Amino acid sequence: MGFLSPKMPSLPPVQPLPEPPSTKLSAEEEKRIQEEQAAIQRRRKGRASTILTSPLVDVATTEKKTLLGM
């Protein structure tokens, strides 16, 4: 009963791959990217810049009372 089963359709022809995009950047694009990276580096805050270690602070804000009240 092989005549009742459908036949496989033929495969479509293989198309050639498109050319990859150019990796060259224009001078304007390179300048813009460098400015963005510089701005990101300026805005970056590290752990050291967020810790309060000033000698002007009398009581450390990191001390918390425990549940026992000590």
Protein backbone atom coordinates (compact mmCIF):
# COMPACT_ATOMS: atom_id res chain seq x y z
CA MET A 1 0.00 0.00 0.00
CA GLY A 2 2.93 2.31 -0.67
CA PHE A 3 0.95 4.14 -3.32
CA LEU A 4 -1.31 5.75 -0.68
CA SER A 5 1.50 7.45 1.26
CA PRO A 6 2.36 10.99 0.13
CA LYS A 7 5.65 11.58 -1.65
CA MET A 8 8.23 13.95 -0.19
CA PRO A 9 8.33 17.28 -2.04
CA SER A 10 11.63 18.20 -3.60
CA LEU A 11 13.91 20.51 -1.63
CA PRO A 12 14.13 24.16 -2.70
CA PRO A 13 17.42 25.24 -4.31
CA VAL A 14 20.16 26.36 -1.92
CA GLN A 15 20.76 30.11 -1.95
CA PRO A 16 24.26 31.51 -1.51
CA LEU A 17 25.07 33.14 1.83
CA PRO A 18 24.87 36.94 1.99
CA GLU A 19 28.08 38.89 2.48
CA PRO A 20 28.87 39.70 6.12
CA PRO A 21 28.52 43.36 7.09
CA SER A 22 31.63 45.49 7.08
CA THR A 23 33.41 45.79 10.43
CA LYS A 24 35.06 49.08 9.50
CA LEU A 25 33.75 52.05 11.47
CA SER A 26 33.83 55.60 10.26
CA ALA A 27 35.82 58.19 12.19
CA GLU A 28 32.59 59.75 13.50
CA GLU A 29 31.33 56.42 14.83
CA GLU A 30 34.67 55.65 16.52
CA LYS A 31 34.70 59.08 18.16
CA ARG A 32 31.11 58.65 19.39
CA ILE A 33 31.87 55.21 20.83
CA GLN A 34 34.99 56.49 22.60
CA GLU A 35 33.02 59.39 24.11
CA GLU A 36 30.33 56.99 25.35
CA GLN A 37 32.95 54.70 26.92
CA ALA A 38 34.65 57.68 28.60
CA ALA A 39 31.30 58.84 30.02
CA ILE A 40 30.60 55.37 31.36
CA GLN A 41 34.02 55.26 33.06
CA ARG A 42 33.41 58.69 34.66
CA ARG A 43 30.01 57.70 36.03
CA ARG A 44 31.15 54.34 37.35
CA LYS A 45 31.17 54.17 41.12
CA GLY A 46 33.27 51.60 42.80
CA ARG A 47 32.84 50.10 46.24
CA ALA A 48 35.51 52.35 47.71
CA SER A 49 33.73 55.54 46.68
CA THR A 50 30.50 54.54 48.40
CA ILE A 51 31.94 53.67 51.84
CA LEU A 52 31.84 56.49 54.39
CA THR A 53 35.33 56.76 55.87
CA SER A 54 35.51 60.49 56.45
CA PRO A 55 37.15 61.57 59.75
CA LEU A 56 34.39 64.19 60.05
CA VAL A 57 31.79 61.54 60.84
CA ASP A 58 31.48 61.10 64.64
CA VAL A 59 29.38 57.95 64.79
CA ALA A 60 29.73 55.27 62.19
CA THR A 61 26.47 54.78 60.33
CA THR A 62 27.22 51.10 59.88
CA GLU A 63 26.65 50.27 63.55
CA LYS A 64 23.19 48.88 64.21
CA LYS A 65 21.57 47.85 67.44
CA THR A 66 21.01 44.15 67.82
CA LEU A 67 17.72 42.60 68.79
CA LEU A 68 18.98 42.32 72.38
CA GLY A 69 19.29 46.11 72.63
CA MET A 70 23.07 46.18 73.03
